[in-house]
Amino acid sequence: MNIPSRIAAGTTIIWRDDAAVVPVDRSATSADWTLTYYLRTNTSGEGHTVAGTAYSTGWEFTISATDSAAFDAGAWTFEALLTKSSETFRAGTGSITIIQSQTYTGTPAALDDRTTAETRLEAMEEAFHALQVGKVGSYSIGSRSFTYHDLDKMRLYIIDLRAQVGREKVRQKIANGLGNPRNFAIRF
C-alpha cells in the first residue's frame, strides 16, 4: 500500500500500487482485478472511494484537489479491496492523516491546527480549573457534564490526553525528519 500517510486537503493526491498476490498464491494484476481504496473518518457521513486505473501490472490512484478539499482534517482510516468477479480480498488497511489546507481567498481567517487530542486537553483543563476553584458548580463539554465530584476522573482523563498529545508530537517530529526526541546516544 503506497497511499501517502499525510495528505493536505485541497491538493491532488496520486500514488501507485504494484500487482499483488491473493490467497492460494495467485497473482492479482490490473488486467483482471480491480483495486479500490475506501477512506473513512469517524465523522458521520465522511468518506471517499477511489478506484485504481491500470498502470503497468499495478494500479494508479488519483484523488482530485476538488474532492480532497472536502476532507476534514484529522485521522482517517483506509481499507483497500481487490475484486474480480465474485471474489473480494482485503489488500490492506491502515491510517492516514489529513492536514488542514492553508489556502484562503480574501482575508485569512484564524487557523486552528491543533489535533483533536490537543483541543480536548485544553477543554478538560479549563473545566477542571473552573470546577476546582469553585467558579462553577458544573461544567459541560459536548454531551458530557462534570461536577466537583468528578475531579478525580477528570484528572485521569487529563493525564491520558497529555500522554496522547506527547505521542502525537513525537510522531510529528519523526515525520518532519527531526528524529525521535526520545532516542538519545551516549558516547564513550
N, C-alpha and C. Protein backbone atom coordinates (compact mmCIF):
# COMPACT_ATOMS: atom_id res chain seq x y z
N MET A 1 0.83 -1.16 0.00
CA MET A 1 0.00 0.00 0.00
C MET A 1 0.89 1.24 0.00
N ASN A 2 0.77 2.01 -1.04
CA ASN A 2 1.62 3.19 -1.19
C ASN A 2 0.87 4.49 -1.01
N ILE A 3 -0.33 4.45 -0.46
CA ILE A 3 -1.09 5.67 -0.22
C ILE A 3 -0.28 6.55 0.73
N PRO A 4 -0.17 7.86 0.45
CA PRO A 4 0.61 8.73 1.35
C PRO A 4 0.04 8.72 2.77
N SER A 5 0.91 8.78 3.76
CA SER A 5 0.45 8.75 5.15
C SER A 5 -0.08 10.11 5.60
N ARG A 6 0.31 11.18 4.90
CA ARG A 6 -0.17 12.53 5.21
C ARG A 6 -0.65 13.17 3.91
N ILE A 7 -1.87 13.68 3.94
CA ILE A 7 -2.48 14.29 2.77
C ILE A 7 -2.96 15.69 3.15
N ALA A 8 -2.60 16.68 2.35
CA ALA A 8 -3.09 18.04 2.58
C ALA A 8 -4.41 18.21 1.85
N ALA A 9 -5.44 18.61 2.59
CA ALA A 9 -6.75 18.84 1.98
C ALA A 9 -6.61 19.92 0.91
N GLY A 10 -7.34 19.74 -0.19
CA GLY A 10 -7.32 20.72 -1.26
C GLY A 10 -6.20 20.54 -2.26
N THR A 11 -5.49 19.41 -2.18
CA THR A 11 -4.41 19.13 -3.14
C THR A 11 -4.74 17.85 -3.91
N THR A 12 -4.09 17.68 -5.05
CA THR A 12 -4.25 16.46 -5.84
C THR A 12 -3.33 15.40 -5.26
N ILE A 13 -3.85 14.22 -5.06
CA ILE A 13 -3.08 13.11 -4.48
C ILE A 13 -2.99 12.00 -5.52
N ILE A 14 -1.77 11.56 -5.81
CA ILE A 14 -1.55 10.48 -6.78
C ILE A 14 -0.58 9.48 -6.16
N TRP A 15 -0.90 8.20 -6.28
CA TRP A 15 0.02 7.15 -5.85
C TRP A 15 -0.22 5.91 -6.70
N ARG A 16 0.76 5.01 -6.64
CA ARG A 16 0.67 3.76 -7.42
C ARG A 16 0.93 2.57 -6.51
N ASP A 17 0.20 1.49 -6.80
CA ASP A 17 0.41 0.22 -6.11
C ASP A 17 0.77 -0.84 -7.13
N ASP A 18 1.68 -1.73 -6.76
CA ASP A 18 2.10 -2.81 -7.63
C ASP A 18 1.08 -3.95 -7.61
N ALA A 19 1.24 -4.88 -8.54
CA ALA A 19 0.41 -6.09 -8.56
C ALA A 19 0.55 -6.79 -7.21
N ALA A 20 -0.46 -7.53 -6.84
CA ALA A 20 -0.48 -8.17 -5.53
C ALA A 20 -0.63 -9.68 -5.68
N VAL A 21 -0.56 -10.37 -4.56
CA VAL A 21 -0.79 -11.81 -4.52
C VAL A 21 -1.98 -12.05 -3.62
N VAL A 22 -2.95 -12.79 -4.11
CA VAL A 22 -4.14 -13.14 -3.33
C VAL A 22 -4.02 -14.58 -2.87
N PRO A 23 -4.90 -15.01 -1.95
CA PRO A 23 -4.79 -16.38 -1.43
C PRO A 23 -4.64 -17.46 -2.51
N VAL A 24 -3.98 -18.48 -2.13
CA VAL A 24 -3.61 -19.63 -2.95
C VAL A 24 -2.57 -19.20 -3.98
N ASP A 25 -1.75 -18.23 -3.61
CA ASP A 25 -0.62 -17.75 -4.42
C ASP A 25 -0.97 -17.40 -5.86
N ARG A 26 -2.08 -16.71 -6.04
CA ARG A 26 -2.46 -16.23 -7.37
C ARG A 26 -2.05 -14.78 -7.51
N SER A 27 -1.60 -14.43 -8.69
CA SER A 27 -1.20 -13.06 -8.97
C SER A 27 -2.43 -12.22 -9.29
N ALA A 28 -2.55 -11.06 -8.65
CA ALA A 28 -3.64 -10.13 -8.91
C ALA A 28 -3.07 -8.92 -9.63
N THR A 29 -3.36 -8.78 -10.89
CA THR A 29 -2.86 -7.66 -11.69
C THR A 29 -4.03 -6.81 -12.16
N SER A 30 -3.72 -5.63 -12.65
CA SER A 30 -4.76 -4.71 -13.10
C SER A 30 -5.48 -5.22 -14.35
N ALA A 31 -4.92 -6.21 -15.02
CA ALA A 31 -5.58 -6.78 -16.21
C ALA A 31 -6.86 -7.51 -15.84
N ASP A 32 -6.89 -8.15 -14.65
CA ASP A 32 -8.04 -8.95 -14.25
C ASP A 32 -8.73 -8.47 -12.98
N TRP A 33 -8.04 -7.70 -12.16
CA TRP A 33 -8.54 -7.32 -10.84
C TRP A 33 -8.75 -5.82 -10.74
N THR A 34 -9.67 -5.42 -9.88
CA THR A 34 -9.91 -4.01 -9.55
C THR A 34 -9.44 -3.78 -8.12
N LEU A 35 -8.68 -2.72 -7.91
CA LEU A 35 -8.23 -2.36 -6.56
C LEU A 35 -8.90 -1.04 -6.19
N THR A 36 -9.61 -1.04 -5.08
CA THR A 36 -10.35 0.15 -4.65
C THR A 36 -9.99 0.48 -3.20
N TYR A 37 -9.75 1.76 -2.95
CA TYR A 37 -9.50 2.25 -1.59
C TYR A 37 -10.77 2.89 -1.06
N TYR A 38 -11.10 2.57 0.19
CA TYR A 38 -12.23 3.18 0.89
C TYR A 38 -11.65 3.97 2.06
N LEU A 39 -11.79 5.29 2.02
CA LEU A 39 -11.26 6.16 3.06
C LEU A 39 -12.41 6.57 3.97
N ARG A 40 -12.18 6.51 5.29
CA ARG A 40 -13.23 6.85 6.26
C ARG A 40 -12.63 7.64 7.41
N THR A 41 -13.49 8.43 8.04
CA THR A 41 -13.15 9.11 9.28
C THR A 41 -14.28 8.86 10.25
N ASN A 42 -14.09 9.25 11.51
CA ASN A 42 -15.14 8.99 12.49
C ASN A 42 -16.26 10.02 12.41
N THR A 43 -16.17 11.00 11.50
CA THR A 43 -17.23 11.96 11.30
C THR A 43 -18.36 11.29 10.51
N SER A 44 -19.57 11.46 10.96
CA SER A 44 -20.71 10.83 10.30
C SER A 44 -20.83 11.28 8.85
N GLY A 45 -20.94 10.31 7.95
CA GLY A 45 -21.13 10.61 6.54
C GLY A 45 -19.87 11.03 5.80
N GLU A 46 -18.72 10.99 6.44
CA GLU A 46 -17.47 11.44 5.82
C GLU A 46 -16.71 10.23 5.30
N GLY A 47 -16.39 10.25 4.02
CA GLY A 47 -15.62 9.17 3.42
C GLY A 47 -15.35 9.46 1.96
N HIS A 48 -14.51 8.64 1.35
CA HIS A 48 -14.19 8.80 -0.06
C HIS A 48 -13.76 7.44 -0.62
N THR A 49 -14.15 7.17 -1.84
CA THR A 49 -13.78 5.94 -2.53
C THR A 49 -12.97 6.31 -3.76
N VAL A 50 -11.87 5.60 -3.97
CA VAL A 50 -11.07 5.83 -5.17
C VAL A 50 -10.65 4.48 -5.76
N ALA A 51 -11.01 4.27 -7.03
CA ALA A 51 -10.67 3.04 -7.73
C ALA A 51 -9.42 3.27 -8.57
N GLY A 52 -8.55 2.28 -8.61
CA GLY A 52 -7.32 2.39 -9.37
C GLY A 52 -7.54 2.18 -10.86
N THR A 53 -6.72 2.84 -11.65
CA THR A 53 -6.70 2.60 -13.10
C THR A 53 -5.44 1.81 -13.41
N ALA A 54 -5.46 1.07 -14.49
CA ALA A 54 -4.33 0.21 -14.84
C ALA A 54 -3.07 1.04 -15.07
N TYR A 55 -1.98 0.59 -14.46
CA TYR A 55 -0.66 1.18 -14.67
C TYR A 55 0.33 0.02 -14.65
N SER A 56 0.89 -0.32 -15.80
CA SER A 56 1.73 -1.49 -15.95
C SER A 56 0.91 -2.70 -15.48
N THR A 57 1.40 -3.46 -14.50
CA THR A 57 0.61 -4.58 -13.98
C THR A 57 -0.11 -4.19 -12.69
N GLY A 58 0.15 -2.97 -12.21
CA GLY A 58 -0.47 -2.49 -10.97
C GLY A 58 -1.54 -1.45 -11.24
N TRP A 59 -1.70 -0.53 -10.29
CA TRP A 59 -2.77 0.46 -10.37
C TRP A 59 -2.23 1.84 -10.02
N GLU A 60 -2.87 2.86 -10.59
CA GLU A 60 -2.59 4.25 -10.24
C GLU A 60 -3.87 4.85 -9.70
N PHE A 61 -3.74 5.64 -8.64
CA PHE A 61 -4.89 6.24 -7.98
C PHE A 61 -4.74 7.76 -7.99
N THR A 62 -5.86 8.45 -8.20
CA THR A 62 -5.85 9.91 -8.18
C THR A 62 -7.07 10.41 -7.42
N ILE A 63 -6.82 11.28 -6.45
CA ILE A 63 -7.88 12.00 -5.76
C ILE A 63 -7.71 13.45 -6.17
N SER A 64 -8.74 14.04 -6.76
CA SER A 64 -8.64 15.40 -7.26
C SER A 64 -8.56 16.41 -6.11
N ALA A 65 -8.03 17.58 -6.41
CA ALA A 65 -7.95 18.65 -5.42
C ALA A 65 -9.35 19.05 -4.96
N THR A 66 -10.30 19.02 -5.87
CA THR A 66 -11.68 19.37 -5.52
C THR A 66 -12.24 18.38 -4.51
N ASP A 67 -12.01 17.09 -4.74
CA ASP A 67 -12.50 16.07 -3.80
C ASP A 67 -11.81 16.18 -2.44
N SER A 68 -10.49 16.34 -2.44
CA SER A 68 -9.76 16.38 -1.17
C SER A 68 -10.04 17.65 -0.38
N ALA A 69 -10.51 18.71 -1.05
CA ALA A 69 -10.83 19.96 -0.35
C ALA A 69 -11.95 19.75 0.67
N ALA A 70 -12.79 18.75 0.44
CA ALA A 70 -13.91 18.48 1.35
C ALA A 70 -13.49 17.59 2.53
N PHE A 71 -12.26 17.08 2.54
CA PHE A 71 -11.81 16.20 3.62
C PHE A 71 -11.62 17.00 4.91
N ASP A 72 -12.19 16.50 6.01
CA ASP A 72 -11.96 17.11 7.32
C ASP A 72 -10.57 16.75 7.81
N ALA A 73 -9.90 17.71 8.42
CA ALA A 73 -8.57 17.45 8.97
C ALA A 73 -8.67 16.45 10.12
N GLY A 74 -7.65 15.62 10.25
CA GLY A 74 -7.60 14.66 11.34
C GLY A 74 -7.22 13.27 10.88
N ALA A 75 -7.47 12.32 11.75
CA ALA A 75 -7.11 10.91 11.48
C ALA A 75 -8.19 10.24 10.64
N TRP A 76 -7.77 9.55 9.61
CA TRP A 76 -8.64 8.77 8.73
C TRP A 76 -8.10 7.36 8.68
N THR A 77 -8.95 6.41 8.32
CA THR A 77 -8.52 5.04 8.09
C THR A 77 -8.84 4.68 6.64
N PHE A 78 -8.17 3.64 6.15
CA PHE A 78 -8.48 3.17 4.80
C PHE A 78 -8.49 1.65 4.78
N GLU A 79 -9.20 1.14 3.80
CA GLU A 79 -9.21 -0.29 3.50
C GLU A 79 -9.10 -0.41 1.99
N ALA A 80 -8.20 -1.26 1.52
CA ALA A 80 -8.03 -1.50 0.08
C ALA A 80 -8.54 -2.89 -0.23
N LEU A 81 -9.45 -2.98 -1.21
CA LEU A 81 -10.04 -4.26 -1.57
C LEU A 81 -9.74 -4.60 -3.02
N LEU A 82 -9.31 -5.84 -3.24
CA LEU A 82 -9.11 -6.38 -4.59
C LEU A 82 -10.36 -7.16 -4.97
N THR A 83 -10.90 -6.89 -6.17
CA THR A 83 -12.13 -7.53 -6.60
C THR A 83 -11.97 -8.10 -8.01
N LYS A 84 -12.49 -9.31 -8.18
CA LYS A 84 -12.54 -9.96 -9.50
C LYS A 84 -13.77 -10.84 -9.50
N SER A 85 -14.71 -10.54 -10.37
CA SER A 85 -15.99 -11.27 -10.44
C SER A 85 -16.63 -11.31 -9.06
N SER A 86 -16.82 -12.50 -8.50
CA SER A 86 -17.46 -12.63 -7.19
C SER A 86 -16.45 -12.73 -6.05
N GLU A 87 -15.16 -12.61 -6.36
CA GLU A 87 -14.11 -12.71 -5.33
C GLU A 87 -13.71 -11.32 -4.85
N THR A 88 -13.56 -11.18 -3.55
CA THR A 88 -13.07 -9.93 -2.95
C THR A 88 -12.10 -10.29 -1.84
N PHE A 89 -10.91 -9.67 -1.89
CA PHE A 89 -9.89 -9.89 -0.86
C PHE A 89 -9.41 -8.54 -0.35
N ARG A 90 -9.12 -8.51 0.93
CA ARG A 90 -8.56 -7.30 1.53
C ARG A 90 -7.08 -7.24 1.18
N ALA A 91 -6.70 -6.16 0.51
CA ALA A 91 -5.29 -5.96 0.14
C ALA A 91 -4.52 -5.28 1.27
N GLY A 92 -5.23 -4.55 2.11
CA GLY A 92 -4.56 -3.89 3.22
C GLY A 92 -5.46 -2.87 3.90
N THR A 93 -5.05 -2.48 5.09
CA THR A 93 -5.73 -1.44 5.85
C THR A 93 -4.67 -0.56 6.48
N GLY A 94 -5.07 0.59 6.94
CA GLY A 94 -4.13 1.47 7.61
C GLY A 94 -4.77 2.79 7.96
N SER A 95 -3.93 3.74 8.32
CA SER A 95 -4.43 5.06 8.68
C SER A 95 -3.62 6.13 7.97
N ILE A 96 -4.26 7.25 7.76
CA ILE A 96 -3.63 8.42 7.15
C ILE A 96 -4.04 9.65 7.94
N THR A 97 -3.32 10.72 7.76
CA THR A 97 -3.64 11.98 8.41
C THR A 97 -3.96 13.01 7.35
N ILE A 98 -5.11 13.65 7.49
CA ILE A 98 -5.48 14.74 6.60
C ILE A 98 -5.09 16.05 7.28
N ILE A 99 -4.31 16.85 6.57
CA ILE A 99 -3.83 18.12 7.10
C ILE A 99 -4.72 19.24 6.56
N GLN A 100 -5.10 20.14 7.43
CA GLN A 100 -5.95 21.26 7.05
C GLN A 100 -5.26 22.12 6.00
N SER A 101 -6.02 22.56 5.02
CA SER A 101 -5.48 23.40 3.96
C SER A 101 -5.08 24.78 4.50
N GLN A 102 -3.98 25.30 4.01
CA GLN A 102 -3.51 26.62 4.42
C GLN A 102 -3.98 27.72 3.46
N THR A 103 -4.64 27.33 2.37
CA THR A 103 -5.03 28.31 1.35
C THR A 103 -6.25 29.10 1.80
N TYR A 104 -6.37 30.29 1.24
CA TYR A 104 -7.51 31.14 1.54
C TYR A 104 -7.69 32.15 0.42
N THR A 105 -8.84 32.77 0.37
CA THR A 105 -9.09 33.88 -0.53
C THR A 105 -9.56 35.05 0.32
N GLY A 106 -9.24 36.26 -0.11
CA GLY A 106 -9.61 37.43 0.69
C GLY A 106 -8.78 37.50 1.95
N THR A 107 -9.40 37.86 3.04
CA THR A 107 -8.72 38.00 4.33
C THR A 107 -8.68 36.64 5.01
N PRO A 108 -7.47 36.20 5.42
CA PRO A 108 -7.39 34.87 6.05
C PRO A 108 -8.07 34.85 7.41
N ALA A 109 -8.78 33.78 7.68
CA ALA A 109 -9.40 33.56 8.98
C ALA A 109 -8.39 32.90 9.90
N ALA A 110 -8.70 32.87 11.17
CA ALA A 110 -7.82 32.20 12.13
C ALA A 110 -7.73 30.72 11.78
N LEU A 111 -6.56 30.15 11.99
CA LEU A 111 -6.32 28.75 11.67
C LEU A 111 -6.06 27.99 12.96
N ASP A 112 -6.88 27.00 13.23
CA ASP A 112 -6.70 26.15 14.40
C ASP A 112 -6.11 24.84 13.93
N ASP A 113 -4.79 24.68 14.07
CA ASP A 113 -4.15 23.47 13.58
C ASP A 113 -3.88 22.46 14.69
N ARG A 114 -4.59 22.62 15.80
CA ARG A 114 -4.44 21.67 16.89
C ARG A 114 -5.10 20.35 16.54
N THR A 115 -4.56 19.29 17.10
CA THR A 115 -5.17 17.98 16.91
C THR A 115 -6.39 17.86 17.82
N THR A 116 -7.17 16.83 17.58
CA THR A 116 -8.36 16.59 18.41
C THR A 116 -7.96 16.42 19.87
N ALA A 117 -6.86 15.71 20.10
CA ALA A 117 -6.41 15.47 21.48
C ALA A 117 -6.00 16.79 22.14
N GLU A 118 -5.35 17.68 21.41
CA GLU A 118 -4.96 18.98 21.97
C GLU A 118 -6.18 19.83 22.31
N THR A 119 -7.19 19.79 21.44
CA THR A 119 -8.42 20.54 21.69
C THR A 119 -9.13 19.99 22.92
N ARG A 120 -9.23 18.66 23.01
CA ARG A 120 -9.88 18.04 24.17
C ARG A 120 -9.12 18.33 25.45
N LEU A 121 -7.80 18.28 25.38
CA LEU A 121 -6.98 18.55 26.57
C LEU A 121 -7.22 19.97 27.07
N GLU A 122 -7.23 20.93 26.17
CA GLU A 122 -7.46 22.32 26.58
C GLU A 122 -8.84 22.47 27.24
N ALA A 123 -9.86 21.87 26.65
CA ALA A 123 -11.21 21.96 27.21
C ALA A 123 -11.29 21.30 28.59
N MET A 124 -10.66 20.13 28.73
CA MET A 124 -10.69 19.43 30.02
C MET A 124 -9.93 20.20 31.10
N GLU A 125 -8.78 20.78 30.74
CA GLU A 125 -8.02 21.55 31.72
C GLU A 125 -8.79 22.79 32.16
N GLU A 126 -9.49 23.43 31.21
CA GLU A 126 -10.31 24.60 31.54
C GLU A 126 -11.45 24.20 32.48
N ALA A 127 -12.13 23.09 32.19
CA ALA A 127 -13.22 22.61 33.02
C ALA A 127 -12.71 22.22 34.41
N PHE A 128 -11.59 21.53 34.45
CA PHE A 128 -11.00 21.09 35.72
C PHE A 128 -10.70 22.29 36.61
N HIS A 129 -10.07 23.30 36.02
CA HIS A 129 -9.72 24.50 36.78
C HIS A 129 -10.97 25.23 37.28
N ALA A 130 -11.98 25.38 36.43
CA ALA A 130 -13.20 26.07 36.81
C ALA A 130 -13.91 25.35 37.96
N LEU A 131 -13.94 24.02 37.92
CA LEU A 131 -14.58 23.27 38.99
C LEU A 131 -13.74 23.27 40.26
N GLN A 132 -12.43 23.20 40.11
CA GLN A 132 -11.53 23.11 41.26
C GLN A 132 -11.57 24.38 42.10
N VAL A 133 -11.59 25.53 41.46
CA VAL A 133 -11.57 26.79 42.21
C VAL A 133 -12.98 27.26 42.57
N GLY A 134 -13.99 26.51 42.17
CA GLY A 134 -15.36 26.82 42.55
C GLY A 134 -16.01 27.91 41.73
N LYS A 135 -15.48 28.20 40.54
CA LYS A 135 -16.10 29.22 39.69
C LYS A 135 -17.49 28.80 39.25
N VAL A 136 -17.66 27.49 39.03
CA VAL A 136 -18.94 26.96 38.57
C VAL A 136 -19.27 25.70 39.36
N GLY A 137 -20.55 25.34 39.39
CA GLY A 137 -20.98 24.13 40.08
C GLY A 137 -20.93 22.90 39.18
N SER A 138 -21.09 23.14 37.87
CA SER A 138 -20.99 22.04 36.91
C SER A 138 -20.45 22.61 35.61
N TYR A 139 -19.91 21.72 34.78
CA TYR A 139 -19.29 22.16 33.52
C TYR A 139 -19.62 21.11 32.46
N SER A 140 -19.98 21.57 31.27
CA SER A 140 -20.32 20.65 30.18
C SER A 140 -19.34 20.81 29.04
N ILE A 141 -18.90 19.67 28.50
CA ILE A 141 -18.06 19.62 27.30
C ILE A 141 -18.76 18.68 26.35
N GLY A 142 -19.28 19.23 25.28
CA GLY A 142 -20.04 18.41 24.35
C GLY A 142 -21.26 17.86 25.05
N SER A 143 -21.41 16.54 25.05
CA SER A 143 -22.57 15.91 25.69
C SER A 143 -22.25 15.43 27.10
N ARG A 144 -21.03 15.69 27.59
CA ARG A 144 -20.65 15.22 28.92
C ARG A 144 -20.69 16.37 29.92
N SER A 145 -21.21 16.09 31.10
CA SER A 145 -21.26 17.09 32.17
C SER A 145 -20.42 16.62 33.34
N PHE A 146 -19.77 17.57 34.01
CA PHE A 146 -18.89 17.26 35.14
C PHE A 146 -19.26 18.14 36.33
N THR A 147 -19.07 17.60 37.53
CA THR A 147 -19.25 18.37 38.75
C THR A 147 -17.97 18.26 39.57
N TYR A 148 -17.97 18.95 40.71
CA TYR A 148 -16.81 18.91 41.60
C TYR A 148 -16.44 17.47 41.99
N HIS A 149 -17.42 16.60 42.07
CA HIS A 149 -17.19 15.21 42.48
C HIS A 149 -16.50 14.39 41.38
N ASP A 150 -16.43 14.92 40.18
CA ASP A 150 -15.80 14.21 39.06
C ASP A 150 -14.33 14.59 38.86
N LEU A 151 -13.76 15.38 39.76
CA LEU A 151 -12.39 15.86 39.57
C LEU A 151 -11.37 14.73 39.43
N ASP A 152 -11.53 13.65 40.20
CA ASP A 152 -10.58 12.54 40.09
C ASP A 152 -10.64 11.89 38.72
N LYS A 153 -11.85 11.67 38.19
CA LYS A 153 -11.99 11.13 36.84
C LYS A 153 -11.38 12.07 35.81
N MET A 154 -11.64 13.36 35.99
CA MET A 154 -11.12 14.36 35.06
C MET A 154 -9.60 14.38 35.07
N ARG A 155 -9.03 14.26 36.26
CA ARG A 155 -7.56 14.27 36.40
C ARG A 155 -6.95 13.11 35.62
N LEU A 156 -7.54 11.92 35.72
CA LEU A 156 -7.05 10.76 34.97
C LEU A 156 -7.19 10.96 33.47
N TYR A 157 -8.31 11.53 33.05
CA TYR A 157 -8.54 11.79 31.63
C TYR A 157 -7.52 12.81 31.11
N ILE A 158 -7.21 13.82 31.91
CA ILE A 158 -6.22 14.83 31.52
C ILE A 158 -4.84 14.19 31.38
N ILE A 159 -4.50 13.31 32.29
CA ILE A 159 -3.20 12.61 32.21
C ILE A 159 -3.13 11.80 30.93
N ASP A 160 -4.21 11.09 30.60
CA ASP A 160 -4.24 10.30 29.35
C ASP A 160 -4.12 11.20 28.13
N LEU A 161 -4.83 12.33 28.13
CA LEU A 161 -4.76 13.25 26.99
C LEU A 161 -3.36 13.85 26.85
N ARG A 162 -2.71 14.18 27.95
CA ARG A 162 -1.35 14.72 27.89
C ARG A 162 -0.39 13.70 27.28
N ALA A 163 -0.56 12.44 27.64
CA ALA A 163 0.28 11.39 27.06
C ALA A 163 0.02 11.25 25.57
N GLN A 164 -1.25 11.31 25.18
CA GLN A 164 -1.60 11.20 23.76
C GLN A 164 -1.02 12.37 22.97
N VAL A 165 -1.12 13.58 23.50
CA VAL A 165 -0.55 14.76 22.84
C VAL A 165 0.96 14.61 22.72
N GLY A 166 1.60 14.10 23.75
CA GLY A 166 3.04 13.87 23.71
C GLY A 166 3.43 12.89 22.61
N ARG A 167 2.68 11.80 22.48
CA ARG A 167 2.95 10.82 21.42
C ARG A 167 2.75 11.44 20.04
N GLU A 168 1.72 12.27 19.90
CA GLU A 168 1.48 12.94 18.62
C GLU A 168 2.63 13.86 18.26
N LYS A 169 3.16 14.56 19.23
CA LYS A 169 4.29 15.48 18.96
C LYS A 169 5.54 14.71 18.55
N VAL A 170 5.77 13.56 19.17
CA VAL A 170 6.91 12.72 18.79
C VAL A 170 6.74 12.24 17.35
N ARG A 171 5.53 11.75 17.01
CA ARG A 171 5.27 11.29 15.64
C ARG A 171 5.46 12.42 14.63
N GLN A 172 5.02 13.63 15.01
CA GLN A 172 5.17 14.78 14.11
C GLN A 172 6.63 15.12 13.89
N LYS A 173 7.44 15.07 14.92
CA LYS A 173 8.88 15.35 14.76
C LYS A 173 9.54 14.31 13.87
N ILE A 174 9.17 13.06 14.05
CA ILE A 174 9.73 12.00 13.20
C ILE A 174 9.30 12.22 11.76
N ALA A 175 8.01 12.55 11.54
CA ALA A 175 7.51 12.78 10.18
C ALA A 175 8.18 13.99 9.53
N ASN A 176 8.57 14.96 10.31
CA ASN A 176 9.25 16.15 9.79
C ASN A 176 10.75 15.96 9.62
N GLY A 177 11.22 14.74 9.88
CA GLY A 177 12.64 14.44 9.69
C GLY A 177 13.53 14.93 10.82
N LEU A 178 12.95 15.23 11.97
CA LEU A 178 13.73 15.74 13.10
C LEU A 178 14.18 14.64 14.04
N GLY A 179 13.86 13.41 13.72
CA GLY A 179 14.27 12.28 14.55
C GLY A 179 13.34 12.10 15.74
N ASN A 180 13.58 11.04 16.47
CA ASN A 180 12.79 10.74 17.65
C ASN A 180 13.44 11.42 18.85
N PRO A 181 12.77 12.40 19.48
CA PRO A 181 13.37 13.10 20.62
C PRO A 181 13.54 12.20 21.84
N ARG A 182 12.92 11.01 21.83
CA ARG A 182 13.07 10.10 22.97
C ARG A 182 14.28 9.19 22.82
N ASN A 183 14.89 9.18 21.65
CA ASN A 183 16.11 8.40 21.44
C ASN A 183 17.31 9.29 21.69
N PHE A 184 18.27 8.79 22.40
CA PHE A 184 19.50 9.52 22.59
C PHE A 184 20.67 8.55 22.59
N ALA A 185 21.81 9.08 22.23
CA ALA A 185 23.00 8.24 22.15
C ALA A 185 24.00 8.69 23.22
N ILE A 186 24.70 7.72 23.74
CA ILE A 186 25.74 8.01 24.72
C ILE A 186 27.07 7.67 24.07
N ARG A 187 27.97 8.60 24.13
CA ARG A 187 29.28 8.41 23.52
C ARG A 187 30.30 8.07 24.61
N PHE A 188 31.06 7.02 24.38
CA PHE A 188 32.06 6.62 25.37
C PHE A 188 33.44 6.96 24.88
